[in-house]
Amino acid sequence: QPQYVESGGGLVQPGGSLNLSCAVTRFTPNLYVLGWFRQVPGKEREGVSCIGRTGSNTNYADSVKGRFTISRDDSKKMVYLQLTSLRPEDTAVYYCAGSRSLLSGCDLADSWYEDWGQGTQVTVAA
């Protein structure tokens, strides 16, 4: 099964930017929808963004639309999340995940995703 390793998290001031990366191994790219999720302690995991198998379909949570951009590079087996105009409420652990069961498009419901990374912490604070 695929393995996902996130990187790029850190501490950033409000209004700043971060670029998250996720390296995927044991992976046949065109078989997987890829997504980014986030979780704050004590709260449910939230779907942030996803990208379809071909990269032509993307979806974003309303809270991040216009600020975050997802992309994938299947030749490198990487998925990225560019975070801009960061707000304190974006503080969370960010996870990447893959879904083989989604057959078209993409979906932000985490129940579709079978395999998950360990997460990378993003903290937005002055």
C-alpha atoms as a PDB file:
ATOM      1  CA  GLN A   1       0.000   0.000   0.000  1.00  0.00           C
ATOM      2  CA  PRO A   2       1.179   3.542  -0.607  1.00  0.00           C
ATOM      3  CA  GLN A   3       3.077   5.504   1.999  1.00  0.00           C
ATOM      4  CA  TYR A   4       2.810   9.267   2.359  1.00  0.00           C
ATOM      5  CA  VAL A   5       5.401  11.558   3.933  1.00  0.00           C
ATOM      6  CA  GLU A   6       4.542  15.210   4.439  1.00  0.00           C
ATOM      7  CA  SER A   7       6.995  18.067   4.824  1.00  0.00           C
ATOM      8  CA  GLY A   8       7.118  21.834   4.717  1.00  0.00           C
ATOM      9  CA  GLY A   9       5.169  22.757   7.816  1.00  0.00           C
ATOM     10  CA  GLY A  10       6.344  25.372  10.264  1.00  0.00           C
ATOM     11  CA  LEU A  11       5.622  28.608  12.046  1.00  0.00           C
ATOM     12  CA  VAL A  12       4.478  31.534   9.913  1.00  0.00           C
ATOM     13  CA  GLN A  13       3.002  34.931  10.630  1.00  0.00           C
ATOM     14  CA  PRO A  14      -0.557  35.800   9.630  1.00  0.00           C
ATOM     15  CA  GLY A  15      -0.657  36.735   5.975  1.00  0.00           C
ATOM     16  CA  GLY A  16       2.353  34.582   5.228  1.00  0.00           C
ATOM     17  CA  SER A  17       2.785  31.561   2.980  1.00  0.00           C
ATOM     18  CA  LEU A  18       3.965  27.971   3.198  1.00  0.00           C
ATOM     19  CA  ASN A  19       4.445  25.212   0.673  1.00  0.00           C
ATOM     20  CA  LEU A  20       3.613  21.716   1.841  1.00  0.00           C
ATOM     21  CA  SER A  21       4.909  18.658   0.027  1.00  0.00           C
ATOM     22  CA  CYS A  22       3.946  15.022   0.218  1.00  0.00           C
ATOM     23  CA  ALA A  23       6.147  12.275  -1.163  1.00  0.00           C
ATOM     24  CA  VAL A  24       4.343   9.093  -2.070  1.00  0.00           C
ATOM     25  CA  THR A  25       5.966   5.693  -2.371  1.00  0.00           C
ATOM     26  CA  ARG A  26       4.657   2.301  -3.453  1.00  0.00           C
ATOM     27  CA  PHE A  27       2.312   4.216  -5.681  1.00  0.00           C
ATOM     28  CA  THR A  28       0.796   3.950  -9.133  1.00  0.00           C
ATOM     29  CA  PRO A  29      -0.167   7.602  -9.659  1.00  0.00           C
ATOM     30  CA  ASN A  30      -3.083   7.309 -12.063  1.00  0.00           C
ATOM     31  CA  LEU A  31      -4.888   4.970  -9.691  1.00  0.00           C
ATOM     32  CA  TYR A  32      -5.171   7.447  -6.824  1.00  0.00           C
ATOM     33  CA  VAL A  33      -7.059  10.585  -5.964  1.00  0.00           C
ATOM     34  CA  LEU A  34      -4.943  12.632  -3.569  1.00  0.00           C
ATOM     35  CA  GLY A  35      -6.064  14.946  -0.811  1.00  0.00           C
ATOM     36  CA  TRP A  36      -4.923  17.234   1.952  1.00  0.00           C
ATOM     37  CA  PHE A  37      -6.673  17.279   5.305  1.00  0.00           C
ATOM     38  CA  ARG A  38      -6.084  19.063   8.581  1.00  0.00           C
ATOM     39  CA  GLN A  39      -6.913  18.499  12.195  1.00  0.00           C
ATOM     40  CA  VAL A  40      -6.809  20.550  15.357  1.00  0.00           C
ATOM     41  CA  PRO A  41      -6.720  18.685  18.691  1.00  0.00           C
ATOM     42  CA  GLY A  42     -10.232  18.092  19.931  1.00  0.00           C
ATOM     43  CA  LYS A  43     -11.817  18.724  16.560  1.00  0.00           C
ATOM     44  CA  GLU A  44     -12.776  16.512  13.644  1.00  0.00           C
ATOM     45  CA  ARG A  45     -10.461  16.148  10.703  1.00  0.00           C
ATOM     46  CA  GLU A  46     -11.338  18.574   7.920  1.00  0.00           C
ATOM     47  CA  GLY A  47     -10.922  18.066   4.196  1.00  0.00           C
ATOM     48  CA  VAL A  48      -8.876  20.954   2.795  1.00  0.00           C
ATOM     49  CA  SER A  49      -8.339  20.110  -0.856  1.00  0.00           C
ATOM     50  CA  CYS A  50      -8.230  17.186  -3.245  1.00  0.00           C
ATOM     51  CA  ILE A  51      -7.070  16.519  -6.772  1.00  0.00           C
ATOM     52  CA  GLY A  52      -8.321  13.884  -9.170  1.00  0.00           C
ATOM     53  CA  ARG A  53      -6.377  11.129 -10.841  1.00  0.00           C
ATOM     54  CA  THR A  54      -5.516  13.164 -13.907  1.00  0.00           C
ATOM     55  CA  GLY A  55      -5.034  16.450 -12.085  1.00  0.00           C
ATOM     56  CA  SER A  56      -7.877  18.071 -13.997  1.00  0.00           C
ATOM     57  CA  ASN A  57     -10.331  18.003 -11.096  1.00  0.00           C
ATOM     58  CA  THR A  58      -9.699  19.873  -7.871  1.00  0.00           C
ATOM     59  CA  ASN A  59     -11.861  20.751  -4.910  1.00  0.00           C
ATOM     60  CA  TYR A  60     -11.340  23.077  -1.977  1.00  0.00           C
ATOM     61  CA  ALA A  61     -12.999  23.698   1.360  1.00  0.00           C
ATOM     62  CA  ASP A  62     -14.808  27.032   1.379  1.00  0.00           C
ATOM     63  CA  SER A  63     -12.508  28.237   4.134  1.00  0.00           C
ATOM     64  CA  VAL A  64      -9.421  27.975   1.908  1.00  0.00           C
ATOM     65  CA  LYS A  65     -10.744  28.773  -1.561  1.00  0.00           C
ATOM     66  CA  GLY A  66      -8.662  31.425  -3.256  1.00  0.00           C
ATOM     67  CA  ARG A  67      -5.849  31.007  -0.712  1.00  0.00           C
ATOM     68  CA  PHE A  68      -4.645  27.399  -1.105  1.00  0.00           C
ATOM     69  CA  THR A  69      -3.631  25.596  -4.286  1.00  0.00           C
ATOM     70  CA  ILE A  70      -3.217  21.851  -4.699  1.00  0.00           C
ATOM     71  CA  SER A  71      -1.106  20.243  -7.401  1.00  0.00           C
ATOM     72  CA  ARG A  72       0.445  16.885  -8.194  1.00  0.00           C
ATOM     73  CA  ASP A  73       3.509  15.782 -10.093  1.00  0.00           C
ATOM     74  CA  ASP A  74       3.106  12.125 -10.887  1.00  0.00           C
ATOM     75  CA  SER A  75       6.548  11.869 -12.474  1.00  0.00           C
ATOM     76  CA  LYS A  76       8.011  12.726  -9.078  1.00  0.00           C
ATOM     77  CA  LYS A  77       5.254  11.001  -7.098  1.00  0.00           C
ATOM     78  CA  MET A  78       4.591  14.207  -5.216  1.00  0.00           C
ATOM     79  CA  VAL A  79       1.523  16.157  -4.177  1.00  0.00           C
ATOM     80  CA  TYR A  80       1.749  19.756  -3.079  1.00  0.00           C
ATOM     81  CA  LEU A  81      -0.333  22.281  -1.203  1.00  0.00           C
ATOM     82  CA  GLN A  82       0.527  25.949  -1.516  1.00  0.00           C
ATOM     83  CA  LEU A  83      -0.827  27.962   1.401  1.00  0.00           C
ATOM     84  CA  THR A  84      -1.077  31.741   1.093  1.00  0.00           C
ATOM     85  CA  SER A  85      -2.731  34.532   3.078  1.00  0.00           C
ATOM     86  CA  LEU A  86      -2.511  32.315   6.128  1.00  0.00           C
ATOM     87  CA  ARG A  87      -4.731  32.964   9.114  1.00  0.00           C
ATOM     88  CA  PRO A  88      -4.437  31.824  12.727  1.00  0.00           C
ATOM     89  CA  GLU A  89      -7.415  29.524  12.137  1.00  0.00           C
ATOM     90  CA  ASP A  90      -5.344  27.622   9.558  1.00  0.00           C
ATOM     91  CA  THR A  91      -3.205  26.307  12.409  1.00  0.00           C
ATOM     92  CA  ALA A  92      -3.444  22.514  12.384  1.00  0.00           C
ATOM     93  CA  VAL A  93      -1.642  19.312  11.576  1.00  0.00           C
ATOM     94  CA  TYR A  94      -1.879  18.817   7.812  1.00  0.00           C
ATOM     95  CA  TYR A  95      -2.103  15.313   6.367  1.00  0.00           C
ATOM     96  CA  CYS A  96      -1.947  14.013   2.837  1.00  0.00           C
ATOM     97  CA  ALA A  97      -3.857  10.914   1.864  1.00  0.00           C
ATOM     98  CA  GLY A  98      -4.787   8.806  -1.117  1.00  0.00           C
ATOM     99  CA  SER A  99      -7.959   7.203  -2.353  1.00  0.00           C
ATOM    100  CA  ARG A 100      -8.168   4.342  -4.788  1.00  0.00           C
ATOM    101  CA  SER A 101     -11.892   3.869  -4.285  1.00  0.00           C
ATOM    102  CA  LEU A 102     -12.860   7.247  -5.736  1.00  0.00           C
ATOM    103  CA  LEU A 103     -13.333   6.475  -9.396  1.00  0.00           C
ATOM    104  CA  SER A 104     -13.871   9.979 -10.755  1.00  0.00           C
ATOM    105  CA  GLY A 105     -13.373  13.542  -9.661  1.00  0.00           C
ATOM    106  CA  CYS A 106     -12.375  13.973  -6.039  1.00  0.00           C
ATOM    107  CA  ASP A 107     -14.099  14.288  -2.681  1.00  0.00           C
ATOM    108  CA  LEU A 108     -13.219  15.960   0.605  1.00  0.00           C
ATOM    109  CA  ALA A 109     -14.884  13.347   2.805  1.00  0.00           C
ATOM    110  CA  ASP A 110     -12.064  11.570   4.615  1.00  0.00           C
ATOM    111  CA  SER A 111     -13.905   8.242   4.582  1.00  0.00           C
ATOM    112  CA  TRP A 112     -12.917   7.833   0.926  1.00  0.00           C
ATOM    113  CA  TYR A 113      -9.186   7.808   1.727  1.00  0.00           C
ATOM    114  CA  GLU A 114      -7.487   4.569   2.640  1.00  0.00           C
ATOM    115  CA  ASP A 115      -3.918   5.575   3.423  1.00  0.00           C
ATOM    116  CA  TRP A 116      -2.540   8.534   5.339  1.00  0.00           C
ATOM    117  CA  GLY A 117       0.701  10.261   6.167  1.00  0.00           C
ATOM    118  CA  GLN A 118       1.877  11.197   9.651  1.00  0.00           C
ATOM    119  CA  GLY A 119       1.205  14.882   9.203  1.00  0.00           C
ATOM    120  CA  THR A 120       3.121  18.137   9.350  1.00  0.00           C
ATOM    121  CA  GLN A 121       2.361  20.937  11.795  1.00  0.00           C
ATOM    122  CA  VAL A 122       1.399  24.358  10.474  1.00  0.00           C
ATOM    123  CA  THR A 123       1.235  27.139  13.046  1.00  0.00           C
ATOM    124  CA  VAL A 124       0.089  30.630  12.108  1.00  0.00           C
ATOM    125  CA  ALA A 125       0.866  33.133  14.835  1.00  0.00           C
ATOM    126  CA  ALA A 126       2.327  36.616  15.241  1.00  0.00           C
END
